[in-house]
């Protein structure tokens, strides 16, 4: 039970930070909507992700693990399908510049937003798991 609660808190914090950073992923309903999304994402990670990893194992082996991000994208899509408070939408990234390092502005489709958000959620969940141990 303690492990499930820890996963719930980590997923909720990761979803919140991602929605604040990537404007193409948003939630409505305030704190309650976020908690519902965190609970649904935790259940998706416990129930759906292992099944998806087994189904996508041949592609993952063929690409030497690079295709593993697809499970996270599908989990995020499942979250937006199951929980109506969470939405994925296209987003215009205005660009970024810092000390000569330039990322130009670009239009991100819903698929690119989902891939970027799932990458960030994965990074944050792994970081928070590492910090809690």
C-alpha atoms as a PDB file:
ATOM      1  CA  UNK A   1       0.000   0.000   0.000  1.00  0.00           C
ATOM      2  CA  UNK A   2       2.870   2.331   0.819  1.00  0.00           C
ATOM      3  CA  UNK A   3       4.438   1.654  -2.575  1.00  0.00           C
ATOM      4  CA  UNK A   4       1.185   2.404  -4.365  1.00  0.00           C
ATOM      5  CA  UNK A   5       0.842   5.697  -2.471  1.00  0.00           C
ATOM      6  CA  UNK A   6       4.431   6.622  -3.352  1.00  0.00           C
ATOM      7  CA  UNK A   7       3.793   5.917  -7.041  1.00  0.00           C
ATOM      8  CA  UNK A   8       0.583   7.960  -6.874  1.00  0.00           C
ATOM      9  CA  UNK A   9       2.396  10.977  -5.385  1.00  0.00           C
ATOM     10  CA  UNK A  10       5.293  10.733  -7.837  1.00  0.00           C
ATOM     11  CA  UNK A  11       2.960  10.441 -10.848  1.00  0.00           C
ATOM     12  CA  UNK A  12       0.816  13.342  -9.638  1.00  0.00           C
ATOM     13  CA  UNK A  13       3.844  15.616  -9.133  1.00  0.00           C
ATOM     14  CA  UNK A  14       5.268  14.582 -12.517  1.00  0.00           C
ATOM     15  CA  UNK A  15       1.975  15.330 -14.250  1.00  0.00           C
ATOM     16  CA  UNK A  16       1.718  18.715 -12.553  1.00  0.00           C
ATOM     17  CA  UNK A  17       5.263  19.781 -13.456  1.00  0.00           C
ATOM     18  CA  UNK A  18       4.791  18.593 -17.042  1.00  0.00           C
ATOM     19  CA  UNK A  19       1.496  20.454 -17.495  1.00  0.00           C
ATOM     20  CA  UNK A  20       3.092  23.620 -16.155  1.00  0.00           C
ATOM     21  CA  UNK A  21       6.108  23.271 -18.457  1.00  0.00           C
ATOM     22  CA  UNK A  22       4.556  21.956 -21.685  1.00  0.00           C
ATOM     23  CA  UNK A  23       1.515  24.012 -22.602  1.00  0.00           C
ATOM     24  CA  UNK A  24       0.214  21.393 -25.051  1.00  0.00           C
ATOM     25  CA  UNK A  25      -0.747  19.125 -22.130  1.00  0.00           C
ATOM     26  CA  UNK A  26      -3.294  20.715 -19.828  1.00  0.00           C
ATOM     27  CA  UNK A  27      -5.770  19.754 -17.154  1.00  0.00           C
ATOM     28  CA  UNK A  28      -8.935  21.350 -15.840  1.00  0.00           C
ATOM     29  CA  UNK A  29     -10.776  20.885 -12.584  1.00  0.00           C
ATOM     30  CA  UNK A  30      -8.084  22.272 -10.313  1.00  0.00           C
ATOM     31  CA  UNK A  31      -6.510  20.129  -7.618  1.00  0.00           C
ATOM     32  CA  UNK A  32      -9.261  17.510  -7.824  1.00  0.00           C
ATOM     33  CA  UNK A  33      -8.711  17.058 -11.565  1.00  0.00           C
ATOM     34  CA  UNK A  34      -4.985  16.660 -10.960  1.00  0.00           C
ATOM     35  CA  UNK A  35      -5.553  14.021  -8.275  1.00  0.00           C
ATOM     36  CA  UNK A  36      -7.946  12.091 -10.531  1.00  0.00           C
ATOM     37  CA  UNK A  37      -5.345  12.228 -13.311  1.00  0.00           C
ATOM     38  CA  UNK A  38      -2.593  11.091 -10.943  1.00  0.00           C
ATOM     39  CA  UNK A  39      -4.676   8.149  -9.757  1.00  0.00           C
ATOM     40  CA  UNK A  40      -5.610   7.152 -13.313  1.00  0.00           C
ATOM     41  CA  UNK A  41      -1.988   7.470 -14.482  1.00  0.00           C
ATOM     42  CA  UNK A  42      -0.823   5.305 -11.567  1.00  0.00           C
ATOM     43  CA  UNK A  43      -3.368   2.629 -12.448  1.00  0.00           C
ATOM     44  CA  UNK A  44      -2.387   2.828 -16.118  1.00  0.00           C
ATOM     45  CA  UNK A  45       1.269   2.373 -15.152  1.00  0.00           C
ATOM     46  CA  UNK A  46       0.448  -0.670 -13.012  1.00  0.00           C
ATOM     47  CA  UNK A  47      -2.069  -2.333 -15.324  1.00  0.00           C
ATOM     48  CA  UNK A  48      -1.516  -1.209 -18.922  1.00  0.00           C
ATOM     49  CA  UNK A  49       2.233  -0.577 -19.184  1.00  0.00           C
ATOM     50  CA  UNK A  50       3.319  -4.194 -18.469  1.00  0.00           C
ATOM     51  CA  UNK A  51       0.893  -5.440 -21.111  1.00  0.00           C
ATOM     52  CA  UNK A  52       2.128  -2.872 -23.639  1.00  0.00           C
ATOM     53  CA  UNK A  53       5.749  -3.776 -22.921  1.00  0.00           C
ATOM     54  CA  UNK A  54       5.000  -7.423 -23.697  1.00  0.00           C
ATOM     55  CA  UNK A  55       3.093  -6.552 -26.877  1.00  0.00           C
ATOM     56  CA  UNK A  56       5.798  -4.175 -28.128  1.00  0.00           C
ATOM     57  CA  UNK A  57       8.706  -6.432 -27.120  1.00  0.00           C
ATOM     58  CA  UNK A  58       9.557  -7.508 -30.709  1.00  0.00           C
ATOM     59  CA  UNK A  59       9.778  -3.872 -31.864  1.00  0.00           C
ATOM     60  CA  UNK A  60      11.742  -2.948 -28.779  1.00  0.00           C
ATOM     61  CA  UNK A  61      14.237  -5.745 -29.388  1.00  0.00           C
ATOM     62  CA  UNK A  62      14.508  -4.858 -33.075  1.00  0.00           C
ATOM     63  CA  UNK A  63      15.310  -1.216 -32.299  1.00  0.00           C
ATOM     64  CA  UNK A  64      17.574  -2.103 -29.346  1.00  0.00           C
ATOM     65  CA  UNK A  65      15.314  -0.366 -26.827  1.00  0.00           C
ATOM     66  CA  UNK A  66      14.731   2.891 -28.672  1.00  0.00           C
ATOM     67  CA  UNK A  67      11.049   2.061 -29.239  1.00  0.00           C
ATOM     68  CA  UNK A  68      10.383   1.848 -25.470  1.00  0.00           C
ATOM     69  CA  UNK A  69       9.176   5.470 -25.482  1.00  0.00           C
ATOM     70  CA  UNK A  70       6.091   4.299 -27.399  1.00  0.00           C
ATOM     71  CA  UNK A  71       4.706   2.653 -24.255  1.00  0.00           C
ATOM     72  CA  UNK A  72       4.899   5.964 -22.406  1.00  0.00           C
ATOM     73  CA  UNK A  73       3.222   7.808 -25.284  1.00  0.00           C
ATOM     74  CA  UNK A  74       0.417   5.235 -25.354  1.00  0.00           C
ATOM     75  CA  UNK A  75       0.018   5.525 -21.562  1.00  0.00           C
ATOM     76  CA  UNK A  76      -0.289   9.304 -21.842  1.00  0.00           C
ATOM     77  CA  UNK A  77      -2.821   8.916 -24.653  1.00  0.00           C
ATOM     78  CA  UNK A  78      -4.773   6.444 -22.480  1.00  0.00           C
ATOM     79  CA  UNK A  79      -4.767   9.023 -19.669  1.00  0.00           C
ATOM     80  CA  UNK A  80      -6.215  11.708 -21.915  1.00  0.00           C
ATOM     81  CA  UNK A  81      -8.817   9.239 -23.184  1.00  0.00           C
ATOM     82  CA  UNK A  82      -9.924   7.978 -19.758  1.00  0.00           C
ATOM     83  CA  UNK A  83      -9.744  11.250 -17.805  1.00  0.00           C
ATOM     84  CA  UNK A  84     -11.599  14.089 -19.578  1.00  0.00           C
ATOM     85  CA  UNK A  85      -9.846  16.715 -17.420  1.00  0.00           C
ATOM     86  CA  UNK A  86      -6.544  16.073 -19.245  1.00  0.00           C
ATOM     87  CA  UNK A  87      -6.120  17.226 -22.842  1.00  0.00           C
ATOM     88  CA  UNK A  88      -3.396  16.980 -25.450  1.00  0.00           C
ATOM     89  CA  UNK A  89      -3.468  19.748 -28.039  1.00  0.00           C
ATOM     90  CA  UNK A  90      -1.144  21.274 -30.650  1.00  0.00           C
ATOM     91  CA  UNK A  91       1.200  23.934 -29.349  1.00  0.00           C
ATOM     92  CA  UNK A  92       3.478  26.602 -30.813  1.00  0.00           C
ATOM     93  CA  UNK A  93       6.864  26.535 -29.090  1.00  0.00           C
ATOM     94  CA  UNK A  94       8.211  30.112 -29.275  1.00  0.00           C
ATOM     95  CA  UNK A  95      11.863  29.060 -29.172  1.00  0.00           C
ATOM     96  CA  UNK A  96      14.689  29.371 -26.691  1.00  0.00           C
ATOM     97  CA  UNK A  97      18.039  31.128 -26.664  1.00  0.00           C
ATOM     98  CA  UNK A  98      20.755  31.062 -24.030  1.00  0.00           C
ATOM     99  CA  UNK A  99      24.399  32.124 -24.479  1.00  0.00           C
ATOM    100  CA  UNK A 100      24.466  31.330 -28.181  1.00  0.00           C
ATOM    101  CA  UNK A 101      22.501  28.080 -27.813  1.00  0.00           C
ATOM    102  CA  UNK A 102      19.379  28.521 -29.934  1.00  0.00           C
ATOM    103  CA  UNK A 103      16.302  26.325 -30.298  1.00  0.00           C
ATOM    104  CA  UNK A 104      14.115  27.907 -32.988  1.00  0.00           C
ATOM    105  CA  UNK A 105      10.380  28.312 -32.581  1.00  0.00           C
ATOM    106  CA  UNK A 106       8.280  25.557 -34.088  1.00  0.00           C
ATOM    107  CA  UNK A 107       4.738  24.263 -34.256  1.00  0.00           C
ATOM    108  CA  UNK A 108       4.285  20.992 -32.355  1.00  0.00           C
ATOM    109  CA  UNK A 109       1.474  18.693 -33.437  1.00  0.00           C
ATOM    110  CA  UNK A 110      -0.449  16.632 -30.903  1.00  0.00           C
ATOM    111  CA  UNK A 111       1.810  13.631 -31.522  1.00  0.00           C
ATOM    112  CA  UNK A 112       4.952  15.686 -30.877  1.00  0.00           C
ATOM    113  CA  UNK A 113       3.410  17.154 -27.725  1.00  0.00           C
ATOM    114  CA  UNK A 114       2.574  13.622 -26.537  1.00  0.00           C
ATOM    115  CA  UNK A 115       6.124  12.422 -27.227  1.00  0.00           C
ATOM    116  CA  UNK A 116       7.707  15.416 -25.509  1.00  0.00           C
ATOM    117  CA  UNK A 117       5.349  15.201 -22.520  1.00  0.00           C
ATOM    118  CA  UNK A 118       5.883  11.455 -22.107  1.00  0.00           C
ATOM    119  CA  UNK A 119       9.651  11.966 -22.253  1.00  0.00           C
ATOM    120  CA  UNK A 120       9.434  14.612 -19.541  1.00  0.00           C
ATOM    121  CA  UNK A 121       7.060  12.557 -17.371  1.00  0.00           C
ATOM    122  CA  UNK A 122       9.386   9.564 -17.665  1.00  0.00           C
ATOM    123  CA  UNK A 123      12.413  11.642 -16.721  1.00  0.00           C
ATOM    124  CA  UNK A 124      10.624  13.217 -13.749  1.00  0.00           C
ATOM    125  CA  UNK A 125       9.256   9.936 -12.415  1.00  0.00           C
ATOM    126  CA  UNK A 126      12.668   8.299 -12.604  1.00  0.00           C
ATOM    127  CA  UNK A 127      14.275  11.313 -10.933  1.00  0.00           C
ATOM    128  CA  UNK A 128      11.703  11.386  -8.133  1.00  0.00           C
ATOM    129  CA  UNK A 129      12.013   7.623  -7.583  1.00  0.00           C
ATOM    130  CA  UNK A 130      15.773   8.020  -7.343  1.00  0.00           C
ATOM    131  CA  UNK A 131      15.420  10.911  -4.874  1.00  0.00           C
ATOM    132  CA  UNK A 132      13.008   8.958  -2.667  1.00  0.00           C
ATOM    133  CA  UNK A 133      15.327   5.972  -2.320  1.00  0.00           C
END
